[in-house]
C-alpha cells in the first residue's frame, strides 16, 4: 500500500514546471535566516530563494551601464530615444501635484 502525499494543484504544477536543480551549501545560521524570512512571507525555502535570487539577478542585469547591440538593435534603440514623448494623462496629473514638503 502506498501513501500519497497530497499536494495542492497549483504547487504541483509549479514543481512540475521546474526541471533543473540547483544545489548550494550554506552555514546553519544562513539556512535558519532564510527559513525565517520564507516563513514570514508564507513561502517555502525553495520558492523564497528562487524568487529572491531571480529578483537580485534582474537588478544586477538592469544596473549594467554598458549594453551590447548590433547595428539594427542600435538603430531601433536610437529611434525610440529620438521619437517624441507620448503625453500621458496620469503622468501629467502627477507632475502637477505639489509635493507635501512644498505645501
N, C-alpha and C. Protein backbone atom coordinates (compact mmCIF):
# COMPACT_ATOMS: atom_id res chain seq x y z
N UNK A 1 0.83 -1.17 0.00
CA UNK A 1 0.00 0.00 0.00
C UNK A 1 0.88 1.24 0.00
N UNK A 2 0.65 2.14 -0.93
CA UNK A 2 1.45 3.36 -0.97
C UNK A 2 0.66 4.50 -0.37
N UNK A 3 1.37 5.37 0.28
CA UNK A 3 0.75 6.54 0.88
C UNK A 3 1.07 7.72 -0.03
N UNK A 4 0.04 8.38 -0.50
CA UNK A 4 0.29 9.53 -1.36
C UNK A 4 0.40 10.79 -0.53
N UNK A 5 1.17 11.69 -1.03
CA UNK A 5 1.35 12.97 -0.36
C UNK A 5 0.46 13.98 -1.08
N UNK A 6 -0.62 14.44 -0.44
CA UNK A 6 -1.49 15.38 -1.13
C UNK A 6 -0.79 16.71 -1.33
N UNK A 7 -0.76 17.16 -2.58
CA UNK A 7 -0.12 18.43 -2.92
C UNK A 7 -1.16 19.29 -3.61
N UNK A 8 -1.19 20.57 -3.23
CA UNK A 8 -2.13 21.48 -3.89
C UNK A 8 -1.85 21.50 -5.38
N UNK A 9 -2.90 21.57 -6.22
CA UNK A 9 -2.69 21.56 -7.68
C UNK A 9 -1.75 22.64 -8.18
N UNK A 10 -1.88 23.88 -7.70
CA UNK A 10 -1.01 24.97 -8.16
C UNK A 10 0.44 24.67 -7.79
N UNK A 11 0.65 24.16 -6.60
CA UNK A 11 2.01 23.83 -6.14
C UNK A 11 2.58 22.69 -6.97
N UNK A 12 1.76 21.69 -7.25
CA UNK A 12 2.21 20.56 -8.05
C UNK A 12 2.62 21.01 -9.44
N UNK A 13 1.86 21.95 -10.03
CA UNK A 13 2.19 22.49 -11.35
C UNK A 13 3.53 23.22 -11.31
N UNK A 14 3.73 24.04 -10.27
CA UNK A 14 4.97 24.81 -10.15
C UNK A 14 6.16 23.88 -10.01
N UNK A 15 6.00 22.83 -9.21
CA UNK A 15 7.10 21.88 -9.01
C UNK A 15 7.37 21.13 -10.30
N UNK A 16 6.31 20.73 -11.01
CA UNK A 16 6.48 20.00 -12.25
C UNK A 16 7.15 20.85 -13.33
N UNK A 17 6.92 22.16 -13.31
CA UNK A 17 7.49 23.05 -14.31
C UNK A 17 8.99 23.22 -14.13
N UNK A 18 9.49 22.98 -12.96
CA UNK A 18 10.93 23.12 -12.70
C UNK A 18 11.63 21.83 -13.07
N UNK A 19 12.71 21.96 -13.81
CA UNK A 19 13.37 20.75 -14.24
C UNK A 19 14.86 20.70 -13.92
N UNK A 20 15.45 21.82 -13.54
CA UNK A 20 16.88 21.84 -13.31
C UNK A 20 17.18 22.18 -11.85
N UNK A 21 17.78 21.25 -11.14
CA UNK A 21 18.08 21.53 -9.73
C UNK A 21 19.30 22.43 -9.58
N UNK A 22 19.32 23.19 -8.50
CA UNK A 22 20.48 23.99 -8.11
C UNK A 22 20.79 23.60 -6.67
N UNK A 23 22.00 23.18 -6.42
CA UNK A 23 22.39 22.75 -5.08
C UNK A 23 23.42 23.72 -4.52
N UNK A 24 23.24 24.15 -3.30
CA UNK A 24 24.22 25.02 -2.65
C UNK A 24 24.43 24.55 -1.21
N UNK A 25 25.58 24.84 -0.69
CA UNK A 25 25.87 24.55 0.71
C UNK A 25 25.87 25.88 1.46
N UNK A 26 25.24 25.88 2.61
CA UNK A 26 25.16 27.09 3.42
C UNK A 26 25.50 26.76 4.87
N UNK A 27 25.83 27.79 5.61
CA UNK A 27 26.04 27.63 7.04
C UNK A 27 24.69 27.47 7.72
N UNK A 28 24.69 26.86 8.87
CA UNK A 28 23.45 26.62 9.61
C UNK A 28 22.71 27.94 9.89
N UNK A 29 23.45 28.98 10.25
CA UNK A 29 22.83 30.27 10.55
C UNK A 29 22.19 30.87 9.29
N UNK A 30 22.81 30.68 8.15
CA UNK A 30 22.25 31.20 6.90
C UNK A 30 20.94 30.48 6.56
N UNK A 31 20.94 29.17 6.74
CA UNK A 31 19.73 28.40 6.47
C UNK A 31 18.60 28.83 7.40
N UNK A 32 18.92 29.05 8.66
CA UNK A 32 17.91 29.49 9.61
C UNK A 32 17.37 30.87 9.27
N UNK A 33 18.24 31.76 8.82
CA UNK A 33 17.82 33.10 8.42
C UNK A 33 16.89 33.02 7.21
N UNK A 34 17.28 32.24 6.22
CA UNK A 34 16.46 32.07 5.02
C UNK A 34 15.11 31.46 5.37
N UNK A 35 15.12 30.44 6.20
CA UNK A 35 13.87 29.80 6.62
C UNK A 35 12.95 30.76 7.36
N UNK A 36 13.54 31.60 8.21
CA UNK A 36 12.73 32.56 8.98
C UNK A 36 12.08 33.57 8.04
N UNK A 37 12.84 34.07 7.07
CA UNK A 37 12.28 35.03 6.12
C UNK A 37 11.20 34.38 5.26
N UNK A 38 11.44 33.17 4.80
CA UNK A 38 10.45 32.46 3.98
C UNK A 38 9.17 32.25 4.77
N UNK A 39 9.31 31.88 6.02
CA UNK A 39 8.15 31.66 6.88
C UNK A 39 7.34 32.95 7.04
N UNK A 40 8.02 34.07 7.22
CA UNK A 40 7.33 35.35 7.35
C UNK A 40 6.51 35.69 6.12
N UNK A 41 6.97 35.25 4.94
CA UNK A 41 6.25 35.52 3.70
C UNK A 41 5.31 34.39 3.30
N UNK A 42 5.24 33.35 4.13
CA UNK A 42 4.35 32.23 3.82
C UNK A 42 4.83 31.41 2.65
N UNK A 43 6.14 31.34 2.47
CA UNK A 43 6.71 30.59 1.34
C UNK A 43 7.58 29.47 1.87
N UNK A 44 7.85 28.51 1.01
CA UNK A 44 8.83 27.51 1.41
C UNK A 44 10.23 28.02 1.03
N UNK A 45 11.24 27.35 1.52
CA UNK A 45 12.61 27.80 1.31
C UNK A 45 12.95 27.89 -0.18
N UNK A 46 12.61 26.88 -0.94
CA UNK A 46 12.95 26.88 -2.37
C UNK A 46 12.30 28.04 -3.11
N UNK A 47 11.01 28.25 -2.90
CA UNK A 47 10.32 29.35 -3.57
C UNK A 47 10.91 30.69 -3.17
N UNK A 48 11.17 30.86 -1.87
CA UNK A 48 11.75 32.10 -1.39
C UNK A 48 13.11 32.36 -2.03
N UNK A 49 13.97 31.34 -2.04
CA UNK A 49 15.32 31.51 -2.58
C UNK A 49 15.28 31.77 -4.08
N UNK A 50 14.41 31.06 -4.79
CA UNK A 50 14.33 31.25 -6.24
C UNK A 50 13.82 32.65 -6.58
N UNK A 51 12.77 33.10 -5.92
CA UNK A 51 12.23 34.44 -6.19
C UNK A 51 13.24 35.51 -5.83
N UNK A 52 13.91 35.36 -4.71
CA UNK A 52 14.89 36.35 -4.27
C UNK A 52 16.10 36.38 -5.21
N UNK A 53 16.59 35.22 -5.59
CA UNK A 53 17.74 35.16 -6.49
C UNK A 53 17.39 35.74 -7.86
N UNK A 54 16.20 35.44 -8.36
CA UNK A 54 15.80 35.98 -9.67
C UNK A 54 15.62 37.50 -9.61
N UNK A 55 15.04 37.99 -8.53
CA UNK A 55 14.87 39.45 -8.38
C UNK A 55 16.23 40.14 -8.34
N UNK A 56 17.17 39.57 -7.60
CA UNK A 56 18.50 40.16 -7.50
C UNK A 56 19.24 40.06 -8.83
N UNK A 57 19.09 38.94 -9.53
CA UNK A 57 19.74 38.78 -10.83
C UNK A 57 19.22 39.82 -11.82
N UNK A 58 17.92 40.05 -11.82
CA UNK A 58 17.34 41.06 -12.71
C UNK A 58 17.87 42.45 -12.36
N UNK A 59 18.01 42.74 -11.07
CA UNK A 59 18.52 44.05 -10.65
C UNK A 59 19.97 44.23 -11.11
N UNK A 60 20.77 43.19 -11.01
CA UNK A 60 22.16 43.27 -11.44
C UNK A 60 22.22 43.53 -12.94
N UNK A 61 21.42 42.81 -13.69
CA UNK A 61 21.41 42.99 -15.15
C UNK A 61 20.92 44.38 -15.53
N UNK A 62 19.87 44.85 -14.88
CA UNK A 62 19.32 46.17 -15.20
C UNK A 62 20.25 47.30 -14.78
N UNK A 63 21.16 47.03 -13.86
CA UNK A 63 22.08 48.05 -13.37
C UNK A 63 23.31 48.20 -14.26
N UNK A 64 23.42 47.40 -15.29
CA UNK A 64 24.58 47.49 -16.17
C UNK A 64 24.56 48.80 -16.95
N UNK A 65 25.70 49.35 -17.15
CA UNK A 65 25.81 50.62 -17.85
C UNK A 65 26.32 50.46 -19.28
N UNK A 66 26.75 49.29 -19.61
CA UNK A 66 27.23 49.02 -20.96
C UNK A 66 26.33 47.95 -21.56
N UNK A 67 25.76 48.27 -22.70
CA UNK A 67 24.90 47.34 -23.40
C UNK A 67 25.50 47.07 -24.77
N UNK A 68 25.47 45.86 -25.18
CA UNK A 68 26.00 45.49 -26.48
C UNK A 68 24.82 45.27 -27.43
N UNK A 69 24.90 45.90 -28.60
CA UNK A 69 23.83 45.77 -29.58
C UNK A 69 24.45 45.76 -30.98
N UNK A 70 23.83 44.98 -31.85
CA UNK A 70 24.29 45.03 -33.24
C UNK A 70 23.73 46.30 -33.89
N UNK A 71 24.07 46.56 -35.13
CA UNK A 71 23.68 47.82 -35.77
C UNK A 71 22.17 47.98 -35.88
N UNK A 72 21.44 46.90 -36.14
CA UNK A 72 19.97 47.01 -36.23
C UNK A 72 19.35 47.33 -34.87
N UNK A 73 19.84 46.68 -33.84
CA UNK A 73 19.34 46.95 -32.49
C UNK A 73 19.66 48.39 -32.08
N UNK A 74 20.86 48.84 -32.42
CA UNK A 74 21.25 50.20 -32.07
C UNK A 74 20.36 51.23 -32.78
N UNK A 75 20.10 51.03 -34.06
CA UNK A 75 19.24 51.96 -34.80
C UNK A 75 17.83 51.98 -34.20
N UNK A 76 17.30 50.81 -33.82
CA UNK A 76 15.97 50.76 -33.20
C UNK A 76 15.98 51.49 -31.86
N UNK A 77 17.04 51.32 -31.09
CA UNK A 77 17.16 51.99 -29.80
C UNK A 77 17.21 53.51 -29.97
N UNK A 78 18.02 53.98 -30.90
CA UNK A 78 18.14 55.42 -31.15
C UNK A 78 16.81 55.98 -31.65
N UNK A 79 16.10 55.23 -32.48
CA UNK A 79 14.79 55.68 -32.97
C UNK A 79 13.81 55.86 -31.81
N UNK A 80 13.85 54.96 -30.85
CA UNK A 80 12.99 55.11 -29.66
C UNK A 80 13.37 56.35 -28.86
N UNK A 81 14.66 56.60 -28.72
CA UNK A 81 15.10 57.78 -27.97
C UNK A 81 14.73 59.08 -28.69
N UNK A 82 14.80 59.06 -30.01
CA UNK A 82 14.53 60.27 -30.79
C UNK A 82 13.04 60.52 -31.01
N UNK A 83 12.21 59.52 -30.79
CA UNK A 83 10.77 59.68 -31.01
C UNK A 83 10.20 60.67 -30.00
N UNK A 84 9.18 61.44 -30.40
CA UNK A 84 8.58 62.38 -29.44
C UNK A 84 7.93 61.63 -28.28
N UNK A 85 7.98 62.26 -27.13
CA UNK A 85 7.38 61.65 -25.94
C UNK A 85 5.87 61.61 -26.08
N UNK A 86 5.28 60.56 -25.56
CA UNK A 86 3.82 60.43 -25.58
C UNK A 86 3.24 61.13 -24.35
N UNK A 87 2.20 61.90 -24.56
CA UNK A 87 1.53 62.55 -23.43
C UNK A 87 0.72 61.50 -22.67
N UNK A 88 0.88 61.47 -21.38
CA UNK A 88 0.14 60.53 -20.55
C UNK A 88 -0.59 61.31 -19.48
N UNK A 89 -1.91 61.17 -19.45
CA UNK A 89 -2.73 61.95 -18.53
C UNK A 89 -2.33 61.72 -17.07
N UNK A 90 -2.10 60.48 -16.70
CA UNK A 90 -1.73 60.18 -15.32
C UNK A 90 -0.43 60.83 -14.92
N UNK A 91 0.53 60.81 -15.83
CA UNK A 91 1.83 61.41 -15.54
C UNK A 91 1.72 62.93 -15.45
N UNK A 92 0.92 63.53 -16.35
CA UNK A 92 0.73 64.98 -16.30
C UNK A 92 0.05 65.39 -15.00
N UNK A 93 -0.93 64.60 -14.56
CA UNK A 93 -1.63 64.90 -13.31
C UNK A 93 -0.65 64.80 -12.13
N UNK A 94 0.16 63.75 -12.13
CA UNK A 94 1.13 63.56 -11.06
C UNK A 94 2.13 64.72 -11.01
N UNK A 95 2.58 65.18 -12.16
CA UNK A 95 3.55 66.26 -12.22
C UNK A 95 2.95 67.59 -11.76
N UNK A 96 1.63 67.74 -11.83
CA UNK A 96 1.00 69.00 -11.44
C UNK A 96 0.71 69.08 -9.94
N UNK A 97 0.85 67.98 -9.22
CA UNK A 97 0.57 67.96 -7.78
C UNK A 97 1.80 68.46 -7.02
N UNK A 98 1.59 69.41 -6.11
CA UNK A 98 2.69 69.91 -5.30
C UNK A 98 3.08 68.84 -4.27
N UNK A 99 4.36 68.61 -4.10
CA UNK A 99 4.79 67.62 -3.10
C UNK A 99 4.47 68.13 -1.70
N UNK A 100 4.27 67.20 -0.77
CA UNK A 100 3.90 67.58 0.60
C UNK A 100 4.89 68.53 1.28
N UNK A 101 6.17 68.41 0.96
CA UNK A 101 7.16 69.27 1.62
C UNK A 101 7.14 70.71 1.09
N UNK A 102 6.39 70.93 0.01
CA UNK A 102 6.26 72.30 -0.51
C UNK A 102 4.92 72.92 -0.14
N UNK A 103 4.10 72.23 0.58
CA UNK A 103 2.77 72.76 0.95
C UNK A 103 2.85 73.59 2.19
